[in-house]
Full PDB file with SEQRES, HELIX, SHEET, SSBOND, CRYST1, ORIGX, SCALE, CONECT and MASTER records, all heavy atoms in Angstrom:
SEQRES   1 A   40  GLN MET LEU ASN TYR GLU GLU SER ILE LEU ILE PHE ASN          
SEQRES   2 A   40  GLN VAL ALA SER ALA ILE LYS PHE ILE GLU SER VAL GLU          
SEQRES   3 A   40  LYS LYS MET ASP ARG PRO ALA ALA GLN PRO PRO ALA ASP          
SEQRES   4 A   40  ASP                                                          
HELIX    1 AA1 TYR A    5  ASP A   30  1                                  26    
CRYST1    1.000    1.000    1.000  90.00  90.00  90.00 P 1           1          
ORIGX1      1.000000  0.000000  0.000000        0.00000                         
ORIGX2      0.000000  1.000000  0.000000        0.00000                         
ORIGX3      0.000000  0.000000  1.000000        0.00000                         
SCALE1      1.000000  0.000000  0.000000        0.00000                         
SCALE2      0.000000  1.000000  0.000000        0.00000                         
SCALE3      0.000000  0.000000  1.000000        0.00000                         
ATOM      1  N   GLN A   1       0.866  -1.165   0.000  1.00  0.00           N  
ATOM      2  CA  GLN A   1       0.000   0.000   0.000  1.00  0.00           C  
ATOM      3  C   GLN A   1       0.909   1.223   0.000  1.00  0.00           C  
ATOM      4  O   GLN A   1       1.743   1.392   0.882  1.00  0.00           O  
ATOM      5  CB  GLN A   1      -0.887   0.012   1.253  1.00  0.00           C  
ATOM      6  CG  GLN A   1      -1.862   1.176   1.331  1.00  0.00           C  
ATOM      7  CD  GLN A   1      -2.973   1.088   0.306  1.00  0.00           C  
ATOM      8  OE1 GLN A   1      -3.427  -0.010  -0.022  1.00  0.00           O  
ATOM      9  NE2 GLN A   1      -3.395   2.231  -0.201  1.00  0.00           N  
ATOM     10  N   MET A   2       0.776   2.092  -1.022  1.00  0.00           N  
ATOM     11  CA  MET A   2       1.701   3.215  -1.154  1.00  0.00           C  
ATOM     12  C   MET A   2       1.507   4.251  -0.046  1.00  0.00           C  
ATOM     13  O   MET A   2       0.401   4.450   0.453  1.00  0.00           O  
ATOM     14  CB  MET A   2       1.529   3.894  -2.516  1.00  0.00           C  
ATOM     15  CG  MET A   2       2.066   3.104  -3.682  1.00  0.00           C  
ATOM     16  SD  MET A   2       2.181   4.108  -5.186  1.00  0.00           S  
ATOM     17  CE  MET A   2       0.471   4.573  -5.419  1.00  0.00           C  
ATOM     18  N   LEU A   3       2.613   4.931   0.274  1.00  0.00           N  
ATOM     19  CA  LEU A   3       2.577   6.018   1.233  1.00  0.00           C  
ATOM     20  C   LEU A   3       1.726   7.160   0.677  1.00  0.00           C  
ATOM     21  O   LEU A   3       1.612   7.334  -0.543  1.00  0.00           O  
ATOM     22  CB  LEU A   3       4.000   6.500   1.502  1.00  0.00           C  
ATOM     23  CG  LEU A   3       4.206   7.518   2.629  1.00  0.00           C  
ATOM     24  CD1 LEU A   3       3.846   6.903   3.977  1.00  0.00           C  
ATOM     25  CD2 LEU A   3       5.648   8.015   2.636  1.00  0.00           C  
ATOM     26  N   ASN A   4       1.155   7.975   1.562  1.00  0.00           N  
ATOM     27  CA  ASN A   4       0.303   9.075   1.105  1.00  0.00           C  
ATOM     28  C   ASN A   4       1.122  10.179   0.439  1.00  0.00           C  
ATOM     29  O   ASN A   4       2.345  10.262   0.574  1.00  0.00           O  
ATOM     30  CB  ASN A   4      -0.518   9.637   2.278  1.00  0.00           C  
ATOM     31  CG  ASN A   4       0.359  10.265   3.347  1.00  0.00           C  
ATOM     32  OD1 ASN A   4       1.001  11.285   3.138  1.00  0.00           O  
ATOM     33  ND2 ASN A   4       0.397   9.627   4.521  1.00  0.00           N  
ATOM     34  N   TYR A   5       0.418  11.036  -0.287  1.00  0.00           N  
ATOM     35  CA  TYR A   5       1.039  12.098  -1.092  1.00  0.00           C  
ATOM     36  C   TYR A   5       1.870  13.057  -0.244  1.00  0.00           C  
ATOM     37  O   TYR A   5       3.026  13.356  -0.564  1.00  0.00           O  
ATOM     38  CB  TYR A   5      -0.056  12.868  -1.834  1.00  0.00           C  
ATOM     39  CG  TYR A   5       0.432  14.100  -2.567  1.00  0.00           C  
ATOM     40  CD1 TYR A   5       0.924  14.004  -3.868  1.00  0.00           C  
ATOM     41  CD2 TYR A   5       0.397  15.355  -1.955  1.00  0.00           C  
ATOM     42  CE1 TYR A   5       1.369  15.132  -4.542  1.00  0.00           C  
ATOM     43  CE2 TYR A   5       0.850  16.491  -2.627  1.00  0.00           C  
ATOM     44  CZ  TYR A   5       1.328  16.369  -3.914  1.00  0.00           C  
ATOM     45  OH  TYR A   5       1.779  17.490  -4.581  1.00  0.00           O  
ATOM     46  N   GLU A   6       1.277  13.571   0.845  1.00  0.00           N  
ATOM     47  CA  GLU A   6       1.940  14.597   1.643  1.00  0.00           C  
ATOM     48  C   GLU A   6       3.264  14.107   2.231  1.00  0.00           C  
ATOM     49  O   GLU A   6       4.280  14.818   2.191  1.00  0.00           O  
ATOM     50  CB  GLU A   6       1.017  15.069   2.779  1.00  0.00           C  
ATOM     51  CG  GLU A   6      -0.185  15.869   2.329  1.00  0.00           C  
ATOM     52  CD  GLU A   6      -1.302  15.004   1.755  1.00  0.00           C  
ATOM     53  OE1 GLU A   6      -1.235  13.759   1.932  1.00  0.00           O  
ATOM     54  OE2 GLU A   6      -2.220  15.567   1.138  1.00  0.00           O  
ATOM     55  N   GLU A   7       3.279  12.882   2.755  1.00  0.00           N  
ATOM     56  CA  GLU A   7       4.517  12.355   3.330  1.00  0.00           C  
ATOM     57  C   GLU A   7       5.536  12.030   2.240  1.00  0.00           C  
ATOM     58  O   GLU A   7       6.754  12.144   2.456  1.00  0.00           O  
ATOM     59  CB  GLU A   7       4.208  11.135   4.192  1.00  0.00           C  
ATOM     60  CG  GLU A   7       3.443  11.482   5.465  1.00  0.00           C  
ATOM     61  CD  GLU A   7       3.200  10.279   6.356  1.00  0.00           C  
ATOM     62  OE1 GLU A   7       4.137   9.477   6.545  1.00  0.00           O  
ATOM     63  OE2 GLU A   7       2.068  10.143   6.862  1.00  0.00           O  
ATOM     64  N   SER A   8       5.049  11.646   1.075  1.00  0.00           N  
ATOM     65  CA  SER A   8       5.964  11.387  -0.048  1.00  0.00           C  
ATOM     66  C   SER A   8       6.676  12.663  -0.470  1.00  0.00           C  
ATOM     67  O   SER A   8       7.886  12.659  -0.751  1.00  0.00           O  
ATOM     68  CB  SER A   8       5.188  10.804  -1.232  1.00  0.00           C  
ATOM     69  OG  SER A   8       4.598   9.571  -0.890  1.00  0.00           O  
ATOM     70  N   ILE A   9       5.925  13.773  -0.515  1.00  0.00           N  
ATOM     71  CA  ILE A   9       6.529  15.071  -0.849  1.00  0.00           C  
ATOM     72  C   ILE A   9       7.583  15.453   0.186  1.00  0.00           C  
ATOM     73  O   ILE A   9       8.670  15.938  -0.150  1.00  0.00           O  
ATOM     74  CB  ILE A   9       5.447  16.170  -0.936  1.00  0.00           C  
ATOM     75  CG1 ILE A   9       4.621  16.000  -2.216  1.00  0.00           C  
ATOM     76  CG2 ILE A   9       6.068  17.560  -0.889  1.00  0.00           C  
ATOM     77  CD1 ILE A   9       5.373  16.276  -3.496  1.00  0.00           C  
ATOM     78  N   LEU A  10       7.275  15.226   1.456  1.00  0.00           N  
ATOM     79  CA  LEU A  10       8.231  15.532   2.521  1.00  0.00           C  
ATOM     80  C   LEU A  10       9.519  14.744   2.336  1.00  0.00           C  
ATOM     81  O   LEU A  10      10.630  15.279   2.469  1.00  0.00           O  
ATOM     82  CB  LEU A  10       7.610  15.223   3.886  1.00  0.00           C  
ATOM     83  CG  LEU A  10       8.498  15.460   5.110  1.00  0.00           C  
ATOM     84  CD1 LEU A  10       8.882  16.932   5.227  1.00  0.00           C  
ATOM     85  CD2 LEU A  10       7.795  14.988   6.385  1.00  0.00           C  
ATOM     86  N   ILE A  11       9.404  13.461   2.022  1.00  0.00           N  
ATOM     87  CA  ILE A  11      10.586  12.616   1.806  1.00  0.00           C  
ATOM     88  C   ILE A  11      11.384  13.126   0.612  1.00  0.00           C  
ATOM     89  O   ILE A  11      12.624  13.247   0.668  1.00  0.00           O  
ATOM     90  CB  ILE A  11      10.171  11.145   1.597  1.00  0.00           C  
ATOM     91  CG1 ILE A  11       9.638  10.572   2.918  1.00  0.00           C  
ATOM     92  CG2 ILE A  11      11.346  10.315   1.084  1.00  0.00           C  
ATOM     93  CD1 ILE A  11       9.004   9.201   2.773  1.00  0.00           C  
ATOM     94  N   PHE A  12      10.698  13.449  -0.472  1.00  0.00           N  
ATOM     95  CA  PHE A  12      11.387  13.960  -1.660  1.00  0.00           C  
ATOM     96  C   PHE A  12      12.165  15.232  -1.331  1.00  0.00           C  
ATOM     97  O   PHE A  12      13.311  15.400  -1.756  1.00  0.00           O  
ATOM     98  CB  PHE A  12      10.384  14.232  -2.787  1.00  0.00           C  
ATOM     99  CG  PHE A  12      10.379  13.173  -3.852  1.00  0.00           C  
ATOM    100  CD1 PHE A  12       9.492  12.122  -3.785  1.00  0.00           C  
ATOM    101  CD2 PHE A  12      11.271  13.230  -4.905  1.00  0.00           C  
ATOM    102  CE1 PHE A  12       9.487  11.136  -4.760  1.00  0.00           C  
ATOM    103  CE2 PHE A  12      11.278  12.263  -5.888  1.00  0.00           C  
ATOM    104  CZ  PHE A  12      10.385  11.206  -5.818  1.00  0.00           C  
ATOM    105  N   ASN A  13      11.536  16.143  -0.594  1.00  0.00           N  
ATOM    106  CA  ASN A  13      12.204  17.401  -0.270  1.00  0.00           C  
ATOM    107  C   ASN A  13      13.433  17.178   0.604  1.00  0.00           C  
ATOM    108  O   ASN A  13      14.474  17.822   0.417  1.00  0.00           O  
ATOM    109  CB  ASN A  13      11.231  18.350   0.418  1.00  0.00           C  
ATOM    110  CG  ASN A  13      10.349  19.098  -0.574  1.00  0.00           C  
ATOM    111  OD1 ASN A  13      10.833  19.580  -1.594  1.00  0.00           O  
ATOM    112  ND2 ASN A  13       9.071  19.183  -0.292  1.00  0.00           N  
ATOM    113  N   GLN A  14      13.350  16.255   1.561  1.00  0.00           N  
ATOM    114  CA  GLN A  14      14.482  15.961   2.432  1.00  0.00           C  
ATOM    115  C   GLN A  14      15.645  15.365   1.639  1.00  0.00           C  
ATOM    116  O   GLN A  14      16.806  15.769   1.803  1.00  0.00           O  
ATOM    117  CB  GLN A  14      14.053  14.998   3.537  1.00  0.00           C  
ATOM    118  CG  GLN A  14      13.135  15.599   4.581  1.00  0.00           C  
ATOM    119  CD  GLN A  14      13.833  16.628   5.461  1.00  0.00           C  
ATOM    120  OE1 GLN A  14      14.969  16.425   5.878  1.00  0.00           O  
ATOM    121  NE2 GLN A  14      13.159  17.716   5.733  1.00  0.00           N  
ATOM    122  N   VAL A  15      15.344  14.408   0.781  1.00  0.00           N  
ATOM    123  CA  VAL A  15      16.395  13.735   0.014  1.00  0.00           C  
ATOM    124  C   VAL A  15      17.011  14.682  -1.011  1.00  0.00           C  
ATOM    125  O   VAL A  15      18.243  14.754  -1.154  1.00  0.00           O  
ATOM    126  CB  VAL A  15      15.836  12.464  -0.666  1.00  0.00           C  
ATOM    127  CG1 VAL A  15      16.878  11.856  -1.605  1.00  0.00           C  
ATOM    128  CG2 VAL A  15      15.419  11.437   0.396  1.00  0.00           C  
ATOM    129  N   ALA A  16      16.169  15.431  -1.737  1.00  0.00           N  
ATOM    130  CA  ALA A  16      16.689  16.357  -2.746  1.00  0.00           C  
ATOM    131  C   ALA A  16      17.551  17.437  -2.103  1.00  0.00           C  
ATOM    132  O   ALA A  16      18.588  17.833  -2.653  1.00  0.00           O  
ATOM    133  CB  ALA A  16      15.539  16.990  -3.522  1.00  0.00           C  
ATOM    134  N   SER A  17      17.155  17.900  -0.915  1.00  0.00           N  
ATOM    135  CA  SER A  17      17.942  18.905  -0.207  1.00  0.00           C  
ATOM    136  C   SER A  17      19.304  18.350   0.192  1.00  0.00           C  
ATOM    137  O   SER A  17      20.333  19.038   0.067  1.00  0.00           O  
ATOM    138  CB  SER A  17      17.181  19.364   1.044  1.00  0.00           C  
ATOM    139  OG  SER A  17      17.942  20.273   1.795  1.00  0.00           O  
ATOM    140  N   ALA A  18      19.341  17.097   0.641  1.00  0.00           N  
ATOM    141  CA  ALA A  18      20.620  16.474   1.018  1.00  0.00           C  
ATOM    142  C   ALA A  18      21.530  16.329  -0.198  1.00  0.00           C  
ATOM    143  O   ALA A  18      22.737  16.600  -0.124  1.00  0.00           O  
ATOM    144  CB  ALA A  18      20.362  15.107   1.657  1.00  0.00           C  
ATOM    145  N   ILE A  19      20.951  15.906  -1.321  1.00  0.00           N  
ATOM    146  CA  ILE A  19      21.747  15.749  -2.543  1.00  0.00           C  
ATOM    147  C   ILE A  19      22.341  17.080  -2.969  1.00  0.00           C  
ATOM    148  O   ILE A  19      23.532  17.175  -3.325  1.00  0.00           O  
ATOM    149  CB  ILE A  19      20.888  15.153  -3.676  1.00  0.00           C  
ATOM    150  CG1 ILE A  19      20.511  13.704  -3.360  1.00  0.00           C  
ATOM    151  CG2 ILE A  19      21.635  15.217  -5.016  1.00  0.00           C  
ATOM    152  CD1 ILE A  19      19.513  13.098  -4.330  1.00  0.00           C  
ATOM    153  N   LYS A  20      21.523  18.139  -2.945  1.00  0.00           N  
ATOM    154  CA  LYS A  20      22.012  19.455  -3.375  1.00  0.00           C  
ATOM    155  C   LYS A  20      23.151  19.925  -2.477  1.00  0.00           C  
ATOM    156  O   LYS A  20      24.161  20.456  -2.968  1.00  0.00           O  
ATOM    157  CB  LYS A  20      20.872  20.466  -3.363  1.00  0.00           C  
ATOM    158  CG  LYS A  20      21.303  21.832  -3.881  1.00  0.00           C  
ATOM    159  CD  LYS A  20      20.142  22.765  -4.079  1.00  0.00           C  
ATOM    160  CE  LYS A  20      20.612  24.094  -4.670  1.00  0.00           C  
ATOM    161  NZ  LYS A  20      19.488  25.009  -4.945  1.00  0.00           N  
ATOM    162  N   PHE A  21      23.019  19.732  -1.164  1.00  0.00           N  
ATOM    163  CA  PHE A  21      24.081  20.157  -0.259  1.00  0.00           C  
ATOM    164  C   PHE A  21      25.367  19.359  -0.517  1.00  0.00           C  
ATOM    165  O   PHE A  21      26.465  19.921  -0.577  1.00  0.00           O  
ATOM    166  CB  PHE A  21      23.663  20.000   1.199  1.00  0.00           C  
ATOM    167  CG  PHE A  21      24.772  20.310   2.159  1.00  0.00           C  
ATOM    168  CD1 PHE A  21      25.135  21.622   2.419  1.00  0.00           C  
ATOM    169  CD2 PHE A  21      25.487  19.290   2.774  1.00  0.00           C  
ATOM    170  CE1 PHE A  21      26.184  21.913   3.285  1.00  0.00           C  
ATOM    171  CE2 PHE A  21      26.537  19.572   3.634  1.00  0.00           C  
ATOM    172  CZ  PHE A  21      26.882  20.894   3.894  1.00  0.00           C  
ATOM    173  N   ILE A  22      25.216  18.044  -0.668  1.00  0.00           N  
ATOM    174  CA  ILE A  22      26.387  17.201  -0.906  1.00  0.00           C  
ATOM    175  C   ILE A  22      27.097  17.618  -2.189  1.00  0.00           C  
ATOM    176  O   ILE A  22      28.333  17.673  -2.247  1.00  0.00           O  
ATOM    177  CB  ILE A  22      25.972  15.718  -0.963  1.00  0.00           C  
ATOM    178  CG1 ILE A  22      25.589  15.226   0.454  1.00  0.00           C  
ATOM    179  CG2 ILE A  22      27.090  14.854  -1.541  1.00  0.00           C  
ATOM    180  CD1 ILE A  22      24.956  13.859   0.470  1.00  0.00           C  
ATOM    181  N   GLU A  23      26.331  17.942  -3.234  1.00  0.00           N  
ATOM    182  CA  GLU A  23      26.954  18.369  -4.488  1.00  0.00           C  
ATOM    183  C   GLU A  23      27.738  19.662  -4.305  1.00  0.00           C  
ATOM    184  O   GLU A  23      28.806  19.839  -4.894  1.00  0.00           O  
ATOM    185  CB  GLU A  23      25.884  18.535  -5.559  1.00  0.00           C  
ATOM    186  CG  GLU A  23      25.334  17.206  -6.069  1.00  0.00           C  
ATOM    187  CD  GLU A  23      24.358  17.383  -7.208  1.00  0.00           C  
ATOM    188  OE1 GLU A  23      23.733  18.464  -7.282  1.00  0.00           O  
ATOM    189  OE2 GLU A  23      24.220  16.461  -8.018  1.00  0.00           O  
ATOM    190  N   SER A  24      27.206  20.573  -3.474  1.00  0.00           N  
ATOM    191  CA  SER A  24      27.936  21.823  -3.233  1.00  0.00           C  
ATOM    192  C   SER A  24      29.235  21.549  -2.478  1.00  0.00           C  
ATOM    193  O   SER A  24      30.269  22.180  -2.745  1.00  0.00           O  
ATOM    194  CB  SER A  24      27.049  22.809  -2.453  1.00  0.00           C  
ATOM    195  OG  SER A  24      26.841  22.375  -1.121  1.00  0.00           O  
ATOM    196  N   VAL A  25      29.204  20.603  -1.541  1.00  0.00           N  
ATOM    197  CA  VAL A  25      30.422  20.233  -0.808  1.00  0.00           C  
ATOM    198  C   VAL A  25      31.433  19.607  -1.758  1.00  0.00           C  
ATOM    199  O   VAL A  25      32.642  19.905  -1.693  1.00  0.00           O  
ATOM    200  CB  VAL A  25      30.085  19.255   0.340  1.00  0.00           C  
ATOM    201  CG1 VAL A  25      31.363  18.692   0.964  1.00  0.00           C  
ATOM    202  CG2 VAL A  25      29.246  19.945   1.412  1.00  0.00           C  
ATOM    203  N   GLU A  26      30.960  18.741  -2.646  1.00  0.00           N  
ATOM    204  CA  GLU A  26      31.856  18.084  -3.602  1.00  0.00           C  
ATOM    205  C   GLU A  26      32.528  19.097  -4.522  1.00  0.00           C  
ATOM    206  O   GLU A  26      33.726  19.000  -4.803  1.00  0.00           O  
ATOM    207  CB  GLU A  26      31.079  17.057  -4.432  1.00  0.00           C  
ATOM    208  CG  GLU A  26      30.738  15.791  -3.667  1.00  0.00           C  
ATOM    209  CD  GLU A  26      31.974  14.989  -3.298  1.00  0.00           C  
ATOM    210  OE1 GLU A  26      32.860  14.818  -4.159  1.00  0.00           O  
ATOM    211  OE2 GLU A  26      32.067  14.547  -2.145  1.00  0.00           O  
ATOM    212  N   LYS A  27      31.762  20.086  -4.992  1.00  0.00           N  
ATOM    213  CA  LYS A  27      32.347  21.116  -5.859  1.00  0.00           C  
ATOM    214  C   LYS A  27      33.426  21.888  -5.124  1.00  0.00           C  
ATOM    215  O   LYS A  27      34.478  22.218  -5.679  1.00  0.00           O  
ATOM    216  CB  LYS A  27      31.252  22.063  -6.350  1.00  0.00           C  
ATOM    217  CG  LYS A  27      30.331  21.463  -7.395  1.00  0.00           C  
ATOM    218  CD  LYS A  27      29.272  22.457  -7.830  1.00  0.00           C  
ATOM    219  CE  LYS A  27      28.334  21.832  -8.850  1.00  0.00           C  
ATOM    220  NZ  LYS A  27      27.259  22.786  -9.253  1.00  0.00           N  
ATOM    221  N   LYS A  28      33.162  22.170  -3.862  1.00  0.00           N  
ATOM    222  CA  LYS A  28      34.143  22.890  -3.051  1.00  0.00           C  
ATOM    223  C   LYS A  28      35.410  22.059  -2.865  1.00  0.00           C  
ATOM    224  O   LYS A  28      36.535  22.571  -2.964  1.00  0.00           O  
ATOM    225  CB  LYS A  28      33.527  23.235  -1.696  1.00  0.00           C  
ATOM    226  CG  LYS A  28      34.414  24.040  -0.775  1.00  0.00           C  
ATOM    227  CD  LYS A  28      33.689  24.359   0.521  1.00  0.00           C  
ATOM    228  CE  LYS A  28      34.590  25.101   1.495  1.00  0.00           C  
ATOM    229  NZ  LYS A  28      33.892  25.381   2.772  1.00  0.00           N  
ATOM    230  N   MET A  29      35.236  20.752  -2.620  1.00  0.00           N  
ATOM    231  CA  MET A  29      36.394  19.878  -2.427  1.00  0.00           C  
ATOM    232  C   MET A  29      37.178  19.672  -3.721  1.00  0.00           C  
ATOM    233  O   MET A  29      38.388  19.430  -3.691  1.00  0.00           O  
ATOM    234  CB  MET A  29      35.931  18.524  -1.877  1.00  0.00           C  
ATOM    235  CG  MET A  29      35.377  18.588  -0.459  1.00  0.00           C  
ATOM    236  SD  MET A  29      34.620  17.030   0.065  1.00  0.00           S  
ATOM    237  CE  MET A  29      36.064  15.966   0.169  1.00  0.00           C  
ATOM    238  N   ASP A  30      36.483  19.776  -4.852  1.00  0.00           N  
ATOM    239  CA  ASP A  30      37.148  19.554  -6.146  1.00  0.00           C  
ATOM    240  C   ASP A  30      37.971  20.746  -6.603  1.00  0.00           C  
ATOM    241  O   ASP A  30      38.809  20.612  -7.497  1.00  0.00           O  
ATOM    242  CB  ASP A  30      36.107  19.239  -7.226  1.00  0.00           C  
ATOM    243  CG  ASP A  30      35.507  17.841  -7.067  1.00  0.00           C  
ATOM    244  OD1 ASP A  30      36.119  17.020  -6.364  1.00  0.00           O  
ATOM    245  OD2 ASP A  30      34.424  17.590  -7.635  1.00  0.00           O  
ATOM    246  N   ARG A  31      37.698  21.926  -6.010  1.00  0.00           N  
ATOM    247  CA  ARG A  31      38.457  23.097  -6.426  1.00  0.00           C  
ATOM    248  C   ARG A  31      39.917  22.948  -6.034  1.00  0.00           C  
ATOM    249  O   ARG A  31      40.231  22.538  -4.918  1.00  0.00           O  
ATOM    250  CB  ARG A  31      37.909  24.365  -5.763  1.00  0.00           C  
ATOM    251  CG  ARG A  31      36.526  24.752  -6.224  1.00  0.00           C  
ATOM    252  CD  ARG A  31      36.178  26.156  -5.733  1.00  0.00           C  
ATOM    253  NE  ARG A  31      34.744  26.353  -5.762  1.00  0.00           N  
ATOM    254  CZ  ARG A  31      33.973  26.493  -4.684  1.00  0.00           C  
ATOM    255  NH1 ARG A  31      34.525  26.454  -3.486  1.00  0.00           N  
ATOM    256  NH2 ARG A  31      32.685  26.677  -4.800  1.00  0.00           N  
ATOM    257  N   PRO A  32      40.847  23.316  -6.929  1.00  0.00           N  
ATOM    258  CA  PRO A  32      42.268  23.221  -6.567  1.00  0.00           C  
ATOM    259  C   PRO A  32      42.603  24.196  -5.454  1.00  0.00           C  
ATOM    260  O   PRO A  32      42.085  25.317  -5.411  1.00  0.00           O  
ATOM    261  CB  PRO A  32      42.998  23.590  -7.868  1.00  0.00           C  
ATOM    262  CG  PRO A  32      41.991  24.368  -8.658  1.00  0.00           C  
ATOM    263  CD  PRO A  32      40.641  23.804  -8.301  1.00  0.00           C  
ATOM    264  N   ALA A  33      43.423  23.746  -4.537  1.00  0.00           N  
ATOM    265  CA  ALA A  33      43.831  24.605  -3.422  1.00  0.00           C  
ATOM    266  C   ALA A  33      44.683  25.760  -3.940  1.00  0.00           C  
ATOM    267  O   ALA A  33      45.461  25.612  -4.886  1.00  0.00           O  
ATOM    268  CB  ALA A  33      44.605  23.794  -2.395  1.00  0.00           C  
ATOM    269  N   ALA A  34      44.521  26.921  -3.334  1.00  0.00           N  
ATOM    270  CA  ALA A  34      45.330  28.082  -3.722  1.00  0.00           C  
ATOM    271  C   ALA A  34      46.794  27.809  -3.419  1.00  0.00           C  
ATOM    272  O   ALA A  34      47.137  27.316  -2.341  1.00  0.00           O  
ATOM    273  CB  ALA A  34      44.850  29.323  -2.966  1.00  0.00           C  
ATOM    274  N   GLN A  35      47.649  28.122  -4.363  1.00  0.00           N  
ATOM    275  CA  GLN A  35      49.074  27.883  -4.194  1.00  0.00           C  
ATOM    276  C   GLN A  35      49.734  29.071  -3.497  1.00  0.00           C  
ATOM    277  O   GLN A  35      49.503  30.225  -3.863  1.00  0.00           O  
ATOM    278  CB  GLN A  35      49.739  27.658  -5.556  1.00  0.00           C  
ATOM    279  CG  GLN A  35      49.232  26.409  -6.274  1.00  0.00           C  
ATOM    280  CD  GLN A  35      49.543  25.146  -5.491  1.00  0.00           C  
ATOM    281  OE1 GLN A  35      50.643  24.984  -4.968  1.00  0.00           O  
ATOM    282  NE2 GLN A  35      48.563  24.263  -5.395  1.00  0.00           N  
ATOM    283  N   PRO A  36      50.569  28.826  -2.486  1.00  0.00           N  
ATOM    284  CA  PRO A  36      51.277  29.937  -1.831  1.00  0.00           C  
ATOM    285  C   PRO A  36      52.285  30.557  -2.781  1.00  0.00           C  
ATOM    286  O   PRO A  36      52.781  29.896  -3.699  1.00  0.00           O  
ATOM    287  CB  PRO A  36      51.982  29.247  -0.653  1.00  0.00           C  
ATOM    288  CG  PRO A  36      52.145  27.831  -1.091  1.00  0.00           C  
ATOM    289  CD  PRO A  36      50.939  27.514  -1.938  1.00  0.00           C  
ATOM    290  N   PRO A  37      52.588  31.840  -2.632  1.00  0.00           N  
ATOM    291  CA  PRO A  37      53.563  32.467  -3.521  1.00  0.00           C  
ATOM    292  C   PRO A  37      54.940  31.837  -3.342  1.00  0.00           C  
ATOM    293  O   PRO A  37      55.278  31.336  -2.273  1.00  0.00           O  
ATOM    294  CB  PRO A  37      53.561  33.935  -3.064  1.00  0.00           C  
ATOM    295  CG  PRO A  37      53.069  33.886  -1.648  1.00  0.00           C  
ATOM    296  CD  PRO A  37      52.097  32.744  -1.591  1.00  0.00           C  
ATOM    297  N   ALA A  38      55.712  31.860  -4.401  1.00  0.00           N  
ATOM    298  CA  ALA A  38      57.082  31.329  -4.338  1.00  0.00           C  
ATOM    299  C   ALA A  38      57.908  32.164  -3.375  1.00  0.00           C  
ATOM    300  O   ALA A  38      57.614  33.336  -3.112  1.00  0.00           O  
ATOM    301  CB  ALA A  38      57.703  31.357  -5.736  1.00  0.00           C  
ATOM    302  N   ASP A  39      58.991  31.558  -2.844  1.00  0.00           N  
ATOM    303  CA  ASP A  39      59.814  32.234  -1.847  1.00  0.00           C  
ATOM    304  C   ASP A  39      60.385  33.551  -2.360  1.00  0.00           C  
ATOM    305  O   ASP A  39      60.609  34.490  -1.606  1.00  0.00           O  
ATOM    306  CB  ASP A  39      60.971  31.326  -1.412  1.00  0.00           C  
ATOM    307  CG  ASP A  39      60.457  30.120  -0.622  1.00  0.00           C  
ATOM    308  OD1 ASP A  39      59.336  30.206  -0.096  1.00  0.00           O  
ATOM    309  OD2 ASP A  39      61.193  29.126  -0.543  1.00  0.00           O  
ATOM    310  N   ASP A  40      60.643  33.607  -3.694  1.00  0.00           N  
ATOM    311  CA  ASP A  40      61.257  34.815  -4.235  1.00  0.00           C  
ATOM    312  C   ASP A  40      60.233  35.782  -4.804  1.00  0.00           C  
ATOM    313  O   ASP A  40      60.576  36.741  -5.498  1.00  0.00           O  
ATOM    314  CB  ASP A  40      62.281  34.457  -5.318  1.00  0.00           C  
ATOM    315  CG  ASP A  40      61.624  33.712  -6.475  1.00  0.00           C  
ATOM    316  OD1 ASP A  40      60.450  33.304  -6.339  1.00  0.00           O  
ATOM    317  OD2 ASP A  40      62.300  33.540  -7.511  1.00  0.00           O  
TER     318      ASP A  40                                                      
MASTER        0    0    0    1    0    0    0    6  317    1    0    4          
END                                                                             
């Protein structure tokens, strides 16, 4: 017996929000670290 509409929407919003946040973290981690200036 399928879950009701309202609770299904709540689950979708929770999962989609987690995915979006994780993707933003991944993009941040994928950025190359800033290189310090050379000694000279």
